[in-house]
C-alpha atoms as a PDB file:
ATOM      1  CA  MET A   1      -0.088   0.057  -0.279  1.00  0.00           C
ATOM      2  CA  LEU A   2       0.663   3.602  -0.506  1.00  0.00           C
ATOM      3  CA  ILE A   3       0.104   6.222   1.890  1.00  0.00           C
ATOM      4  CA  LEU A   4       0.063   9.786   0.911  1.00  0.00           C
ATOM      5  CA  LEU A   5       0.765  12.736   3.639  1.00  0.00           C
ATOM      6  CA  PRO A   6       1.048  16.514   3.013  1.00  0.00           C
ATOM      7  CA  PRO A   7       4.468  18.254   3.759  1.00  0.00           C
ATOM      8  CA  SER A   8       4.262  20.921   6.669  1.00  0.00           C
ATOM      9  CA  GLU A   9       5.013  24.900   6.534  1.00  0.00           C
ATOM     10  CA  THR A  10       7.569  24.250   8.960  1.00  0.00           C
ATOM     11  CA  LYS A  11      10.589  22.054   8.581  1.00  0.00           C
ATOM     12  CA  ARG A  12      13.662  21.594  10.546  1.00  0.00           C
ATOM     13  CA  ASP A  13      17.154  23.210   9.441  1.00  0.00           C
ATOM     14  CA  GLY A  14      19.976  21.548   8.744  1.00  0.00           C
ATOM     15  CA  GLY A  15      20.914  18.073   7.843  1.00  0.00           C
ATOM     16  CA  ALA A  16      23.971  15.682   7.689  1.00  0.00           C
ATOM     17  CA  GLY A  17      22.875  14.454   4.008  1.00  0.00           C
ATOM     18  CA  SER A  18      24.561  15.473   0.488  1.00  0.00           C
ATOM     19  CA  PRO A  19      22.950  18.127  -1.358  1.00  0.00           C
ATOM     20  CA  LEU A  20      19.810  17.638  -3.263  1.00  0.00           C
ATOM     21  CA  ALA A  21      19.998  14.776  -5.869  1.00  0.00           C
ATOM     22  CA  LEU A  22      16.695  14.627  -7.980  1.00  0.00           C
ATOM     23  CA  GLY A  23      17.919  11.269  -9.723  1.00  0.00           C
ATOM     24  CA  ARG A  24      17.728   9.823  -6.152  1.00  0.00           C
ATOM     25  CA  LEU A  25      14.204  10.602  -5.598  1.00  0.00           C
ATOM     26  CA  ARG A  26      11.469   7.760  -5.754  1.00  0.00           C
ATOM     27  CA  PHE A  27       9.346   8.495  -8.680  1.00  0.00           C
ATOM     28  CA  PRO A  28      11.728   9.247 -11.351  1.00  0.00           C
ATOM     29  CA  SER A  29       8.967   9.952 -14.092  1.00  0.00           C
ATOM     30  CA  LEU A  30       8.657  13.353 -12.372  1.00  0.00           C
ATOM     31  CA  HIS A  31      12.202  14.129 -12.797  1.00  0.00           C
ATOM     32  CA  ALA A  32      11.661  17.124 -15.855  1.00  0.00           C
ATOM     33  CA  VAL A  33       9.202  18.806 -13.461  1.00  0.00           C
ATOM     34  CA  ARG A  34      11.247  18.575 -10.400  1.00  0.00           C
ATOM     35  CA  ARG A  35      14.429  20.028 -12.504  1.00  0.00           C
ATOM     36  CA  ASP A  36      12.026  23.454 -13.724  1.00  0.00           C
ATOM     37  CA  VAL A  37      10.379  23.847 -10.373  1.00  0.00           C
ATOM     38  CA  VAL A  38      13.823  24.180  -8.615  1.00  0.00           C
ATOM     39  CA  GLY A  39      14.822  26.046 -10.946  1.00  0.00           C
ATOM     40  CA  ALA A  40      12.043  28.624 -11.080  1.00  0.00           C
ATOM     41  CA  VAL A  41      12.639  28.533  -7.151  1.00  0.00           C
ATOM     42  CA  VAL A  42      15.722  29.649  -7.155  1.00  0.00           C
ATOM     43  CA  ALA A  43      15.557  32.201 -10.336  1.00  0.00           C
ATOM     44  CA  LEU A  44      12.755  33.921  -8.046  1.00  0.00           C
ATOM     45  CA  SER A  45      14.872  33.800  -4.730  1.00  0.00           C
ATOM     46  CA  ALA A  46      17.326  35.837  -6.692  1.00  0.00           C
ATOM     47  CA  ASP A  47      15.114  38.734  -6.152  1.00  0.00           C
ATOM     48  CA  HIS A  48      14.128  39.037  -2.268  1.00  0.00           C
ATOM     49  CA  ALA A  49      11.163  41.392  -2.917  1.00  0.00           C
ATOM     50  CA  ASP A  50       9.657  39.304  -5.092  1.00  0.00           C
ATOM     51  CA  SER A  51      10.227  36.292  -3.333  1.00  0.00           C
ATOM     52  CA  VAL A  52       8.646  37.553  -0.092  1.00  0.00           C
ATOM     53  CA  ARG A  53       5.281  38.844  -2.493  1.00  0.00           C
ATOM     54  CA  ALA A  54       5.411  35.442  -4.258  1.00  0.00           C
ATOM     55  CA  LEU A  55       5.391  33.466  -1.162  1.00  0.00           C
ATOM     56  CA  LYS A  56       3.246  35.471   0.852  1.00  0.00           C
ATOM     57  CA  LEU A  57       6.201  35.928   3.536  1.00  0.00           C
ATOM     58  CA  GLY A  58       5.792  38.081   6.671  1.00  0.00           C
ATOM     59  CA  PRO A  59       8.309  40.541   8.036  1.00  0.00           C
ATOM     60  CA  LYS A  60       9.659  37.431  10.452  1.00  0.00           C
ATOM     61  CA  GLN A  61       9.667  34.776   7.838  1.00  0.00           C
ATOM     62  CA  THR A  62      12.165  36.824   5.360  1.00  0.00           C
ATOM     63  CA  GLY A  63      14.621  34.312   6.020  1.00  0.00           C
ATOM     64  CA  GLU A  64      13.017  31.581   3.938  1.00  0.00           C
ATOM     65  CA  VAL A  65      14.190  33.094   0.788  1.00  0.00           C
ATOM     66  CA  GLU A  66      17.727  32.124   1.268  1.00  0.00           C
ATOM     67  CA  ARG A  67      16.402  28.538   2.110  1.00  0.00           C
ATOM     68  CA  ASN A  68      15.193  28.625  -1.382  1.00  0.00           C
ATOM     69  CA  ARG A  69      18.302  30.603  -3.079  1.00  0.00           C
ATOM     70  CA  THR A  70      20.723  27.640  -1.695  1.00  0.00           C
ATOM     71  CA  VAL A  71      18.356  24.514  -2.116  1.00  0.00           C
ATOM     72  CA  ARG A  72      20.295  23.138  -4.622  1.00  0.00           C
ATOM     73  CA  SER A  73      23.748  22.945  -1.925  1.00  0.00           C
ATOM     74  CA  ALA A  74      21.915  23.003   1.189  1.00  0.00           C
ATOM     75  CA  PRO A  75      22.361  19.627   3.045  1.00  0.00           C
ATOM     76  CA  THR A  76      19.568  17.329   3.133  1.00  0.00           C
ATOM     77  CA  MET A  77      17.916  15.230   5.589  1.00  0.00           C
ATOM     78  CA  ARG A  78      15.310  12.170   5.282  1.00  0.00           C
ATOM     79  CA  ALA A  79      11.485  13.656   4.285  1.00  0.00           C
ATOM     80  CA  LEU A  80       9.970  12.223   7.364  1.00  0.00           C
ATOM     81  CA  GLU A  81      12.486  13.942   9.678  1.00  0.00           C
ATOM     82  CA  ARG A  82      12.570  17.114   7.899  1.00  0.00           C
ATOM     83  CA  TYR A  83       8.991  18.128   8.382  1.00  0.00           C
ATOM     84  CA  THR A  84       7.588  19.291  11.499  1.00  0.00           C
ATOM     85  CA  GLY A  85       4.342  20.610  12.972  1.00  0.00           C
ATOM     86  CA  VAL A  86       1.124  18.502  14.293  1.00  0.00           C
ATOM     87  CA  LEU A  87       1.201  15.617  11.947  1.00  0.00           C
ATOM     88  CA  TYR A  88       4.746  14.792  12.208  1.00  0.00           C
ATOM     89  CA  ASP A  89       4.848  15.084  15.626  1.00  0.00           C
ATOM     90  CA  ALA A  90       2.061  12.670  15.984  1.00  0.00           C
ATOM     91  CA  LEU A  91       3.672  10.196  13.739  1.00  0.00           C
ATOM     92  CA  ASP A  92       7.305  11.027  15.397  1.00  0.00           C
ATOM     93  CA  ALA A  93       9.624   9.746  12.971  1.00  0.00           C
ATOM     94  CA  GLY A  94      12.727  10.107  15.018  1.00  0.00           C
ATOM     95  CA  SER A  95      11.331   6.930  17.153  1.00  0.00           C
ATOM     96  CA  LEU A  96      11.200   4.523  14.498  1.00  0.00           C
ATOM     97  CA  SER A  97      12.860   1.399  14.566  1.00  0.00           C
ATOM     98  CA  ASP A  98      15.113   0.625  11.671  1.00  0.00           C
ATOM     99  CA  VAL A  99      12.595  -1.915  10.208  1.00  0.00           C
ATOM    100  CA  GLU A 100       9.538   0.455  10.964  1.00  0.00           C
ATOM    101  CA  TRP A 101      11.724   3.184   8.608  1.00  0.00           C
ATOM    102  CA  ALA A 102      12.332   0.314   5.953  1.00  0.00           C
ATOM    103  CA  VAL A 103       8.487   0.278   5.892  1.00  0.00           C
ATOM    104  CA  ALA A 104       7.879   3.840   6.034  1.00  0.00           C
ATOM    105  CA  ALA A 105      10.880   4.292   3.261  1.00  0.00           C
ATOM    106  CA  GLU A 106       8.344   1.632   1.117  1.00  0.00           C
ATOM    107  CA  SER A 107       4.634   2.758   1.809  1.00  0.00           C
ATOM    108  CA  VAL A 108       4.666   6.001   2.970  1.00  0.00           C
ATOM    109  CA  VAL A 109       4.832   9.478   0.434  1.00  0.00           C
ATOM    110  CA  VAL A 110       4.984  12.996   1.030  1.00  0.00           C
ATOM    111  CA  GLN A 111       3.675  15.246  -1.307  1.00  0.00           C
ATOM    112  CA  SER A 112       5.750  18.677  -1.394  1.00  0.00           C
ATOM    113  CA  ALA A 113       5.047  21.035  -3.585  1.00  0.00           C
ATOM    114  CA  LEU A 114       8.790  21.459  -4.522  1.00  0.00           C
ATOM    115  CA  LEU A 115       9.418  18.189  -5.468  1.00  0.00           C
ATOM    116  CA  GLY A 116       6.120  16.539  -6.256  1.00  0.00           C
ATOM    117  CA  LEU A 117       6.040  12.880  -4.557  1.00  0.00           C
ATOM    118  CA  ILE A 118       8.492  12.051  -2.599  1.00  0.00           C
ATOM    119  CA  GLY A 119       9.525   8.951  -0.506  1.00  0.00           C
ATOM    120  CA  ALA A 120       9.825   9.216   3.313  1.00  0.00           C
ATOM    121  CA  ALA A 121      13.564   8.581   3.031  1.00  0.00           C
ATOM    122  CA  ASP A 122      14.560  10.769   0.221  1.00  0.00           C
ATOM    123  CA  GLU A 123      16.935  13.217   1.356  1.00  0.00           C
ATOM    124  CA  VAL A 124      15.538  16.582   1.081  1.00  0.00           C
ATOM    125  CA  PRO A 125      16.679  20.143   1.688  1.00  0.00           C
ATOM    126  CA  ALA A 126      14.957  22.776   3.920  1.00  0.00           C
ATOM    127  CA  TYR A 127      12.687  25.129   1.483  1.00  0.00           C
ATOM    128  CA  ARG A 128       9.925  27.328   1.386  1.00  0.00           C
ATOM    129  CA  LEU A 129       6.890  26.524  -1.069  1.00  0.00           C
ATOM    130  CA  SER A 130       3.195  25.800  -0.572  1.00  0.00           C
ATOM    131  CA  PHE A 131       0.410  24.185  -3.169  1.00  0.00           C
ATOM    132  CA  ASP A 132      -0.414  27.699  -3.780  1.00  0.00           C
ATOM    133  CA  SER A 133       2.858  29.571  -3.831  1.00  0.00           C
ATOM    134  CA  ARG A 134       3.825  31.405  -7.220  1.00  0.00           C
ATOM    135  CA  LEU A 135       6.959  30.874  -8.665  1.00  0.00           C
ATOM    136  CA  SER A 136       6.700  34.251 -10.792  1.00  0.00           C
ATOM    137  CA  LEU A 137       4.951  37.746 -10.509  1.00  0.00           C
ATOM    138  CA  GLU A 138       3.948  37.584 -14.144  1.00  0.00           C
ATOM    139  CA  ARG A 139       0.694  37.515 -15.186  1.00  0.00           C
ATOM    140  CA  GLY A 140      -0.166  33.656 -16.859  1.00  0.00           C
ATOM    141  CA  ALA A 141       3.166  32.594 -15.110  1.00  0.00           C
ATOM    142  CA  ALA A 142       1.945  28.768 -14.737  1.00  0.00           C
ATOM    143  CA  SER A 143       0.557  27.852 -11.221  1.00  0.00           C
ATOM    144  CA  LEU A 144       1.681  24.473  -9.358  1.00  0.00           C
ATOM    145  CA  LYS A 145      -1.425  22.764  -9.891  1.00  0.00           C
ATOM    146  CA  LYS A 146      -0.575  23.135 -13.641  1.00  0.00           C
ATOM    147  CA  ARG A 147       2.893  22.266 -13.476  1.00  0.00           C
ATOM    148  CA  TRP A 148       2.495  19.222 -11.427  1.00  0.00           C
ATOM    149  CA  ALA A 149      -0.947  17.530 -11.610  1.00  0.00           C
ATOM    150  CA  ALA A 150      -0.762  15.709 -14.910  1.00  0.00           C
ATOM    151  CA  ALA A 151       2.964  14.216 -14.329  1.00  0.00           C
ATOM    152  CA  GLY A 152       2.028  13.335 -10.591  1.00  0.00           C
ATOM    153  CA  GLY A 153      -1.641  11.888 -11.367  1.00  0.00           C
ATOM    154  CA  ALA A 154       0.380   9.908 -13.887  1.00  0.00           C
ATOM    155  CA  ALA A 155       2.585   8.519 -11.535  1.00  0.00           C
ATOM    156  CA  LEU A 156      -0.189   7.382  -9.017  1.00  0.00           C
ATOM    157  CA  ALA A 157      -1.987   5.780 -11.869  1.00  0.00           C
ATOM    158  CA  GLU A 158       1.062   3.423 -12.517  1.00  0.00           C
ATOM    159  CA  ARG A 159      -0.001   1.825  -8.949  1.00  0.00           C
ATOM    160  CA  ASP A 160      -2.437  -1.180  -8.767  1.00  0.00           C
ATOM    161  CA  ASP A 161      -2.208  -1.297  -5.004  1.00  0.00           C
ATOM    162  CA  LEU A 162      -3.636  -0.009  -2.173  1.00  0.00           C
ATOM    163  CA  LEU A 163      -3.926   4.042  -2.086  1.00  0.00           C
ATOM    164  CA  LEU A 164      -4.624   6.069   1.227  1.00  0.00           C
ATOM    165  CA  ASP A 165      -4.453   9.320   0.714  1.00  0.00           C
ATOM    166  CA  LEU A 166      -4.146  11.988   3.677  1.00  0.00           C
ATOM    167  CA  ARG A 167      -3.394  14.938   2.052  1.00  0.00           C
ATOM    168  CA  SER A 168      -5.241  18.005   2.080  1.00  0.00           C
ATOM    169  CA  GLU A 169      -6.935  18.815  -0.709  1.00  0.00           C
ATOM    170  CA  GLY A 170      -5.071  21.523  -1.870  1.00  0.00           C
ATOM    171  CA  TYR A 171      -2.149  19.048  -2.070  1.00  0.00           C
ATOM    172  CA  ALA A 172      -4.370  16.360  -3.330  1.00  0.00           C
ATOM    173  CA  ALA A 173      -5.038  18.283  -6.383  1.00  0.00           C
ATOM    174  CA  LEU A 174      -1.099  18.459  -7.156  1.00  0.00           C
ATOM    175  CA  ALA A 175      -1.355  14.795  -7.609  1.00  0.00           C
ATOM    176  CA  PRO A 176      -4.928  13.135  -7.976  1.00  0.00           C
ATOM    177  CA  LEU A 177      -5.486  10.101  -6.972  1.00  0.00           C
ATOM    178  CA  PRO A 178      -6.921   7.701  -9.780  1.00  0.00           C
ATOM    179  CA  ASP A 179     -10.489   6.859 -10.210  1.00  0.00           C
ATOM    180  CA  ARG A 180     -10.300   3.155  -9.381  1.00  0.00           C
ATOM    181  CA  GLU A 181     -11.021   0.730  -6.553  1.00  0.00           C
ATOM    182  CA  GLY A 182      -8.789   0.859  -3.646  1.00  0.00           C
ATOM    183  CA  ALA A 183      -7.805   4.465  -4.295  1.00  0.00           C
ATOM    184  CA  HIS A 184      -9.134   6.309  -0.861  1.00  0.00           C
ATOM    185  CA  TYR A 185      -9.331  10.050   0.268  1.00  0.00           C
ATOM    186  CA  VAL A 186      -9.726  10.056   3.914  1.00  0.00           C
ATOM    187  CA  ARG A 187     -11.684  12.322   6.217  1.00  0.00           C
ATOM    188  CA  VAL A 188     -11.135  12.427   9.821  1.00  0.00           C
ATOM    189  CA  LEU A 189     -14.492  13.499  11.818  1.00  0.00           C
ATOM    190  CA  ALA A 190     -15.019  13.806  15.088  1.00  0.00           C
ATOM    191  CA  ARG A 191     -18.075  12.362  17.098  1.00  0.00           C
ATOM    192  CA  ASP A 192     -19.384  14.334  20.192  1.00  0.00           C
ATOM    193  CA  ASP A 193     -20.958  12.694  23.407  1.00  0.00           C
ATOM    194  CA  ASN A 194     -24.300  12.933  21.722  1.00  0.00           C
ATOM    195  CA  GLY A 195     -23.284  10.826  18.785  1.00  0.00           C
ATOM    196  CA  HIS A 196     -23.173  13.647  16.180  1.00  0.00           C
ATOM    197  CA  VAL A 197     -19.980  13.765  13.643  1.00  0.00           C
ATOM    198  CA  ARG A 198     -18.710  16.709  12.192  1.00  0.00           C
ATOM    199  CA  ALA A 199     -15.568  17.508  10.835  1.00  0.00           C
ATOM    200  CA  LEU A 200     -12.241  17.701  12.962  1.00  0.00           C
ATOM    201  CA  ASN A 201     -10.018  20.870  12.124  1.00  0.00           C
ATOM    202  CA  HIS A 202      -6.779  20.638  13.932  1.00  0.00           C
ATOM    203  CA  PHE A 203      -6.550  17.443  15.409  1.00  0.00           C
ATOM    204  CA  ASN A 204      -7.302  16.120  12.164  1.00  0.00           C
ATOM    205  CA  LYS A 205      -3.429  16.692  11.555  1.00  0.00           C
ATOM    206  CA  GLN A 206      -2.618  14.872  14.475  1.00  0.00           C
ATOM    207  CA  ALA A 207      -5.096  12.012  13.907  1.00  0.00           C
ATOM    208  CA  LYS A 208      -3.360  11.352  10.440  1.00  0.00           C
ATOM    209  CA  GLY A 209       0.142  11.568  11.959  1.00  0.00           C
ATOM    210  CA  LEU A 210      -0.785   8.747  14.670  1.00  0.00           C
ATOM    211  CA  LEU A 211      -2.928   6.539  11.839  1.00  0.00           C
ATOM    212  CA  THR A 212       0.197   6.871   9.940  1.00  0.00           C
ATOM    213  CA  ARG A 213       2.503   5.564  12.595  1.00  0.00           C
ATOM    214  CA  ALA A 214      -0.150   2.891  13.383  1.00  0.00           C
ATOM    215  CA  LEU A 215      -0.281   1.522  10.090  1.00  0.00           C
ATOM    216  CA  ILE A 216       3.896   1.956   9.883  1.00  0.00           C
ATOM    217  CA  GLU A 217       3.802  -0.167  12.717  1.00  0.00           C
ATOM    218  CA  ALA A 218       1.576  -3.013  11.413  1.00  0.00           C
ATOM    219  CA  GLY A 219       4.032  -3.666   8.254  1.00  0.00           C
ATOM    220  CA  ALA A 220       1.761  -1.305   6.098  1.00  0.00           C
ATOM    221  CA  SER A 221       1.457  -4.451   3.685  1.00  0.00           C
ATOM    222  CA  PHE A 222      -2.542  -4.183   3.301  1.00  0.00           C
ATOM    223  CA  ARG A 223      -3.597  -5.440  -0.011  1.00  0.00           C
ATOM    224  CA  SER A 224      -7.553  -4.381  -0.333  1.00  0.00           C
ATOM    225  CA  THR A 225      -9.622  -2.179   1.329  1.00  0.00           C
ATOM    226  CA  ALA A 226     -11.378  -4.709   3.068  1.00  0.00           C
ATOM    227  CA  GLU A 227      -8.377  -5.746   4.556  1.00  0.00           C
ATOM    228  CA  LEU A 228      -7.212  -2.576   5.813  1.00  0.00           C
ATOM    229  CA  LEU A 229     -10.355  -2.268   7.429  1.00  0.00           C
ATOM    230  CA  ARG A 230     -10.797  -5.381   9.189  1.00  0.00           C
ATOM    231  CA  TRP A 231      -7.105  -4.559  11.003  1.00  0.00           C
ATOM    232  CA  ALA A 232      -8.837  -1.038  11.519  1.00  0.00           C
ATOM    233  CA  ALA A 233     -11.640  -2.673  13.686  1.00  0.00           C
ATOM    234  CA  ASP A 234      -9.382  -5.134  15.226  1.00  0.00           C
ATOM    235  CA  GLU A 235      -7.155  -2.529  16.608  1.00  0.00           C
ATOM    236  CA  GLY A 236     -10.270  -0.588  17.646  1.00  0.00           C
ATOM    237  CA  TYR A 237     -10.085   2.336  14.958  1.00  0.00           C
ATOM    238  CA  GLU A 238     -13.376   3.755  13.432  1.00  0.00           C
ATOM    239  CA  LEU A 239     -12.258   3.771   9.787  1.00  0.00           C
ATOM    240  CA  ARG A 240     -15.504   3.128   7.442  1.00  0.00           C
ATOM    241  CA  ALA A 241     -16.427   3.606   4.078  1.00  0.00           C
ATOM    242  CA  ALA A 242     -18.478   7.014   3.450  1.00  0.00           C
ATOM    243  CA  ALA A 243     -22.102   6.871   3.443  1.00  0.00           C
ATOM    244  CA  ASP A 244     -22.332   8.881   0.239  1.00  0.00           C
ATOM    245  CA  GLY A 245     -20.970   5.634  -2.081  1.00  0.00           C
ATOM    246  CA  SER A 246     -18.252   7.500  -2.668  1.00  0.00           C
ATOM    247  CA  ARG A 247     -14.788   5.869  -2.354  1.00  0.00           C
ATOM    248  CA  GLU A 248     -13.802   7.902   0.694  1.00  0.00           C
ATOM    249  CA  LEU A 249     -12.759   6.480   3.730  1.00  0.00           C
ATOM    250  CA  GLU A 250     -13.959   8.246   7.167  1.00  0.00           C
ATOM    251  CA  LEU A 251     -11.859   7.904  10.102  1.00  0.00           C
ATOM    252  CA  VAL A 252     -13.850   8.868  13.288  1.00  0.00           C
ATOM    253  CA  VAL A 253     -12.276  10.270  16.710  1.00  0.00           C
ATOM    254  CA  PRO A 254     -14.311  10.196  19.982  1.00  0.00           C
ATOM    255  CA  GLU A 255     -14.401  13.402  21.475  1.00  0.00           C
ATOM    256  CA  VAL A 256     -13.177  14.175  25.124  1.00  0.00           C
ATOM    257  CA  ARG A 257     -14.762  17.432  26.520  1.00  0.00           C
ATOM    258  CA  GLY A 258     -15.020  18.907  23.054  1.00  0.00           C
ATOM    259  CA  VAL A 259     -11.233  17.579  21.900  1.00  0.00           C
ATOM    260  CA  PRO A 260      -9.971  14.443  21.102  1.00  0.00           C
ATOM    261  CA  GLY A 261      -8.671  12.032  23.374  1.00  0.00           C
ATOM    262  CA  ARG A 262      -4.734  12.282  24.009  1.00  0.00           C
ATOM    263  CA  LEU A 263      -2.542  10.152  21.563  1.00  0.00           C
ATOM    264  CA  MET A 264      -3.934   6.561  20.424  1.00  0.00           C
ATOM    265  CA  ALA A 265      -6.685   6.709  22.676  1.00  0.00           C
ATOM    266  CA  ALA A 266      -8.082   9.608  20.446  1.00  0.00           C
ATOM    267  CA  LEU A 267      -8.374   7.129  17.438  1.00  0.00           C
ATOM    268  CA  ARG A 268      -9.629   4.386  19.218  1.00  0.00           C
ATOM    269  CA  ALA A 269     -13.673   3.996  19.974  1.00  0.00           C
END
């Protein structure tokens, strides 16, 4: 199976890996687009003021321009260690065993705005780019969606295994899921004490990180939706097919005093 994660705005500095090598990243079919997007980001960073406007940076974020300027020569680290924030804190890649890292490297992919679909263990630099960032202030310049969608979607369409999409809608648009059985977008919902179910906002990311960690620990080797749902039920997770007949899956999290419970208890019914 393949688990698709969104990136995060925040990223760790530094790294001990060699500079970015596009040819070593997963999904080699994306190489041409990667080269073009990286080139556009570096070119944009040559003009500090334009970069600040295009990336919508605040006064305390202008250092992000330097990150982009040096993206080709900066040190790298594994993708799951580079990204930070609620989802990645919950996933806690730093505590994965060697065996679990091997599972993650095979089964977890991050949707980068800069590099497209990248493997969990791919070595990447720190950078600043979002799905809706502009790479040029010129009118009519191609958006990241236009640059990535066809190539990213084709890369996913080549796979015939179970696809579990935990990306936000903006990032999912950069590599749309194929329209077939076994390709599922996951929506996180919360059930209150009265049984009412609603969309989950901030804790949505925590739930996705915890689910990803649980799938890695389980080996992430599920071959079908039915097998995945049986595992979830056996483990106490409320993961179900959407009632509207779509291919979406719903992860329902019980609430405790208005917010989800802590860690794994937040996912288990």
